[in-house]
Amino acid sequence: MGFRLLGVRRARQALSIKGAEVPKGYLAVYVGEEKKRFVIQIECLNQPSFQDLLSKAEEEYGYHHPMGGLTIPCREDVFLHIMSLLA
């Protein structure tokens, strides 16, 4: 359990890049009820677990995302867990 928490903590730190700029090779996504902004590597888009999230986003929002960026319809803790597995 300690390893999982460390992975989630590391994922949260890596994903929470402040500011409006998104570095080259990264993508901003909005997650959870509060639509918290995370910056992820574009390479994550090819991962099967992330593609499941993209399918859910397409079902819920289609191609219209209320935040102006990609909105992922899942809880923040679930998103962080998936991202920690991909790291």
N, C-alpha and C. Protein backbone atom coordinates (compact mmCIF):
# COMPACT_ATOMS: atom_id res chain seq x y z
N MET A 1 0.83 -1.19 0.00
CA MET A 1 0.00 0.00 0.00
C MET A 1 0.87 1.25 0.00
N GLY A 2 2.00 1.22 0.69
CA GLY A 2 2.89 2.37 0.73
C GLY A 2 3.44 2.72 -0.63
N PHE A 3 3.70 1.70 -1.44
CA PHE A 3 4.22 1.96 -2.78
C PHE A 3 3.16 2.63 -3.64
N ARG A 4 1.91 2.22 -3.50
CA ARG A 4 0.85 2.82 -4.28
C ARG A 4 0.69 4.29 -3.94
N LEU A 5 0.72 4.62 -2.64
CA LEU A 5 0.58 6.01 -2.23
C LEU A 5 1.74 6.86 -2.75
N LEU A 6 2.94 6.31 -2.71
CA LEU A 6 4.09 7.03 -3.24
C LEU A 6 3.91 7.29 -4.73
N GLY A 7 3.40 6.28 -5.45
CA GLY A 7 3.17 6.44 -6.88
C GLY A 7 2.14 7.52 -7.17
N VAL A 8 1.07 7.56 -6.39
CA VAL A 8 0.03 8.58 -6.58
C VAL A 8 0.59 9.95 -6.25
N ARG A 9 1.36 10.06 -5.18
CA ARG A 9 1.95 11.35 -4.80
C ARG A 9 2.88 11.84 -5.89
N ARG A 10 3.71 10.96 -6.41
CA ARG A 10 4.65 11.34 -7.48
C ARG A 10 3.88 11.74 -8.74
N ALA A 11 2.81 11.00 -9.06
CA ALA A 11 2.01 11.34 -10.23
C ALA A 11 1.37 12.71 -10.07
N ARG A 12 0.85 13.00 -8.87
CA ARG A 12 0.21 14.30 -8.62
C ARG A 12 1.21 15.43 -8.81
N GLN A 13 2.44 15.26 -8.31
CA GLN A 13 3.46 16.30 -8.45
C GLN A 13 3.84 16.49 -9.91
N ALA A 14 4.00 15.41 -10.64
CA ALA A 14 4.42 15.49 -12.03
C ALA A 14 3.33 16.08 -12.91
N LEU A 15 2.07 15.83 -12.56
CA LEU A 15 0.96 16.26 -13.40
C LEU A 15 0.49 17.67 -13.11
N SER A 16 0.79 18.18 -11.93
CA SER A 16 0.29 19.50 -11.55
C SER A 16 1.30 20.59 -11.91
N ILE A 17 1.30 20.98 -13.16
CA ILE A 17 2.17 22.05 -13.62
C ILE A 17 1.35 23.33 -13.62
N LYS A 18 1.78 24.30 -12.86
CA LYS A 18 1.04 25.56 -12.75
C LYS A 18 1.28 26.43 -13.98
N GLY A 19 0.35 27.32 -14.23
CA GLY A 19 0.52 28.27 -15.32
C GLY A 19 -0.27 27.88 -16.55
N ALA A 20 -0.36 28.79 -17.47
CA ALA A 20 -1.16 28.58 -18.67
C ALA A 20 -0.41 27.84 -19.76
N GLU A 21 0.91 27.89 -19.74
CA GLU A 21 1.70 27.28 -20.79
C GLU A 21 1.76 25.77 -20.63
N VAL A 22 1.63 25.06 -21.74
CA VAL A 22 1.77 23.61 -21.75
C VAL A 22 3.03 23.31 -22.56
N PRO A 23 3.99 22.62 -21.95
CA PRO A 23 5.24 22.33 -22.67
C PRO A 23 5.00 21.47 -23.92
N LYS A 24 5.89 21.58 -24.87
CA LYS A 24 5.81 20.78 -26.09
C LYS A 24 5.83 19.30 -25.70
N GLY A 25 4.95 18.52 -26.32
CA GLY A 25 4.87 17.09 -26.03
C GLY A 25 3.92 16.77 -24.88
N TYR A 26 3.21 17.77 -24.39
CA TYR A 26 2.27 17.59 -23.28
C TYR A 26 0.89 18.10 -23.69
N LEU A 27 -0.12 17.73 -22.90
CA LEU A 27 -1.50 18.10 -23.15
C LEU A 27 -2.17 18.41 -21.82
N ALA A 28 -2.95 19.47 -21.76
CA ALA A 28 -3.70 19.80 -20.55
C ALA A 28 -5.04 19.07 -20.59
N VAL A 29 -5.41 18.44 -19.48
CA VAL A 29 -6.71 17.79 -19.34
C VAL A 29 -7.35 18.27 -18.04
N TYR A 30 -8.66 18.20 -17.99
CA TYR A 30 -9.42 18.61 -16.81
C TYR A 30 -10.14 17.38 -16.26
N VAL A 31 -10.00 17.17 -14.93
CA VAL A 31 -10.46 15.92 -14.33
C VAL A 31 -11.29 16.20 -13.08
N GLY A 32 -12.29 15.36 -12.88
CA GLY A 32 -13.07 15.39 -11.64
C GLY A 32 -14.18 16.41 -11.65
N GLU A 33 -14.95 16.42 -10.56
CA GLU A 33 -16.07 17.34 -10.44
C GLU A 33 -15.63 18.79 -10.44
N GLU A 34 -14.46 19.05 -9.87
CA GLU A 34 -13.94 20.42 -9.80
C GLU A 34 -13.16 20.81 -11.05
N LYS A 35 -13.04 19.89 -11.99
CA LYS A 35 -12.33 20.12 -13.26
C LYS A 35 -10.91 20.62 -13.01
N LYS A 36 -10.18 19.87 -12.16
CA LYS A 36 -8.80 20.23 -11.87
C LYS A 36 -7.94 19.99 -13.11
N ARG A 37 -7.06 20.91 -13.38
CA ARG A 37 -6.21 20.86 -14.57
C ARG A 37 -4.95 20.04 -14.29
N PHE A 38 -4.65 19.10 -15.19
CA PHE A 38 -3.43 18.32 -15.15
C PHE A 38 -2.76 18.41 -16.51
N VAL A 39 -1.45 18.30 -16.53
CA VAL A 39 -0.69 18.31 -17.77
C VAL A 39 -0.05 16.94 -17.91
N ILE A 40 -0.38 16.25 -18.99
CA ILE A 40 0.11 14.89 -19.20
C ILE A 40 0.95 14.82 -20.46
N GLN A 41 1.80 13.80 -20.53
CA GLN A 41 2.58 13.58 -21.74
C GLN A 41 1.67 13.05 -22.84
N ILE A 42 1.87 13.50 -24.05
CA ILE A 42 1.04 13.06 -25.18
C ILE A 42 1.16 11.55 -25.38
N GLU A 43 2.28 10.97 -25.01
CA GLU A 43 2.50 9.53 -25.16
C GLU A 43 1.45 8.71 -24.42
N CYS A 44 0.86 9.29 -23.36
CA CYS A 44 -0.17 8.59 -22.59
C CYS A 44 -1.41 8.29 -23.42
N LEU A 45 -1.65 9.07 -24.46
CA LEU A 45 -2.85 8.90 -25.26
C LEU A 45 -2.91 7.54 -25.94
N ASN A 46 -1.79 6.90 -26.15
CA ASN A 46 -1.75 5.59 -26.80
C ASN A 46 -1.96 4.42 -25.84
N GLN A 47 -1.93 4.67 -24.55
CA GLN A 47 -2.05 3.60 -23.57
C GLN A 47 -3.50 3.13 -23.46
N PRO A 48 -3.72 1.82 -23.42
CA PRO A 48 -5.10 1.28 -23.37
C PRO A 48 -5.92 1.82 -22.18
N SER A 49 -5.32 1.95 -21.02
CA SER A 49 -6.08 2.45 -19.87
C SER A 49 -6.49 3.91 -20.07
N PHE A 50 -5.63 4.70 -20.72
CA PHE A 50 -5.99 6.09 -20.99
C PHE A 50 -7.01 6.17 -22.12
N GLN A 51 -6.92 5.27 -23.07
CA GLN A 51 -7.90 5.26 -24.16
C GLN A 51 -9.29 4.95 -23.64
N ASP A 52 -9.39 4.15 -22.57
CA ASP A 52 -10.69 3.92 -21.92
C ASP A 52 -11.26 5.24 -21.40
N LEU A 53 -10.39 6.05 -20.78
CA LEU A 53 -10.83 7.36 -20.29
C LEU A 53 -11.29 8.25 -21.44
N LEU A 54 -10.56 8.20 -22.55
CA LEU A 54 -10.94 9.00 -23.72
C LEU A 54 -12.29 8.57 -24.27
N SER A 55 -12.57 7.27 -24.26
CA SER A 55 -13.87 6.77 -24.72
C SER A 55 -14.99 7.28 -23.84
N LYS A 56 -14.76 7.30 -22.52
CA LYS A 56 -15.76 7.82 -21.60
C LYS A 56 -15.98 9.31 -21.82
N ALA A 57 -14.90 10.04 -22.11
CA ALA A 57 -15.02 11.47 -22.39
C ALA A 57 -15.83 11.70 -23.66
N GLU A 58 -15.60 10.88 -24.67
CA GLU A 58 -16.35 11.01 -25.92
C GLU A 58 -17.84 10.71 -25.70
N GLU A 59 -18.14 9.68 -24.90
CA GLU A 59 -19.53 9.34 -24.62
C GLU A 59 -20.25 10.47 -23.88
N GLU A 60 -19.55 11.07 -22.92
CA GLU A 60 -20.18 12.09 -22.09
C GLU A 60 -20.25 13.46 -22.76
N TYR A 61 -19.17 13.85 -23.42
CA TYR A 61 -19.09 15.21 -23.95
C TYR A 61 -19.10 15.29 -25.48
N GLY A 62 -18.89 14.18 -26.16
CA GLY A 62 -18.72 14.24 -27.61
C GLY A 62 -17.44 15.02 -27.90
N TYR A 63 -17.53 15.96 -28.80
CA TYR A 63 -16.36 16.77 -29.11
C TYR A 63 -16.48 18.18 -28.54
N HIS A 64 -17.48 18.40 -27.71
CA HIS A 64 -17.66 19.68 -27.04
C HIS A 64 -17.25 19.53 -25.58
N HIS A 65 -16.16 20.16 -25.20
CA HIS A 65 -15.66 20.08 -23.82
C HIS A 65 -15.85 21.45 -23.18
N PRO A 66 -16.61 21.49 -22.08
CA PRO A 66 -16.97 22.77 -21.47
C PRO A 66 -15.79 23.61 -20.99
N MET A 67 -14.66 23.01 -20.70
CA MET A 67 -13.52 23.75 -20.19
C MET A 67 -12.64 24.29 -21.32
N GLY A 68 -12.97 23.94 -22.56
CA GLY A 68 -12.16 24.40 -23.67
C GLY A 68 -10.99 23.46 -23.95
N GLY A 69 -10.75 22.54 -23.08
CA GLY A 69 -9.71 21.53 -23.25
C GLY A 69 -10.33 20.17 -23.06
N LEU A 70 -9.53 19.15 -23.09
CA LEU A 70 -10.02 17.78 -22.93
C LEU A 70 -10.47 17.56 -21.49
N THR A 71 -11.74 17.20 -21.31
CA THR A 71 -12.31 16.95 -19.99
C THR A 71 -12.48 15.45 -19.81
N ILE A 72 -11.92 14.92 -18.73
CA ILE A 72 -11.99 13.49 -18.44
C ILE A 72 -13.03 13.28 -17.34
N PRO A 73 -14.12 12.52 -17.64
CA PRO A 73 -15.18 12.34 -16.66
C PRO A 73 -14.90 11.19 -15.69
N CYS A 74 -13.97 11.40 -14.78
CA CYS A 74 -13.72 10.42 -13.72
C CYS A 74 -13.24 11.15 -12.48
N ARG A 75 -13.26 10.45 -11.36
CA ARG A 75 -12.79 11.07 -10.12
C ARG A 75 -11.28 11.31 -10.21
N GLU A 76 -10.84 12.33 -9.51
CA GLU A 76 -9.43 12.71 -9.53
C GLU A 76 -8.54 11.58 -9.02
N ASP A 77 -8.96 10.89 -7.95
CA ASP A 77 -8.14 9.81 -7.40
C ASP A 77 -8.00 8.65 -8.37
N VAL A 78 -9.04 8.36 -9.15
CA VAL A 78 -8.97 7.30 -10.16
C VAL A 78 -7.99 7.71 -11.26
N PHE A 79 -8.09 8.95 -11.71
CA PHE A 79 -7.18 9.46 -12.74
C PHE A 79 -5.73 9.38 -12.28
N LEU A 80 -5.47 9.82 -11.05
CA LEU A 80 -4.11 9.78 -10.51
C LEU A 80 -3.59 8.36 -10.40
N HIS A 81 -4.47 7.44 -10.03
CA HIS A 81 -4.05 6.04 -9.94
C HIS A 81 -3.66 5.51 -11.32
N ILE A 82 -4.48 5.79 -12.33
CA ILE A 82 -4.17 5.34 -13.70
C ILE A 82 -2.87 5.96 -14.18
N MET A 83 -2.68 7.25 -13.92
CA MET A 83 -1.45 7.91 -14.36
C MET A 83 -0.23 7.37 -13.62
N SER A 84 -0.38 7.00 -12.35
CA SER A 84 0.76 6.45 -11.62
C SER A 84 1.15 5.09 -12.17
N LEU A 85 0.17 4.34 -12.69
CA LEU A 85 0.47 3.04 -13.32
C LEU A 85 1.20 3.23 -14.64
N LEU A 86 0.92 4.33 -15.34
CA LEU A 86 1.55 4.58 -16.63
C LEU A 86 2.96 5.14 -16.48
N ALA A 87 3.26 5.71 -15.32
CA ALA A 87 4.57 6.35 -15.10
C ALA A 87 5.67 5.33 -14.95
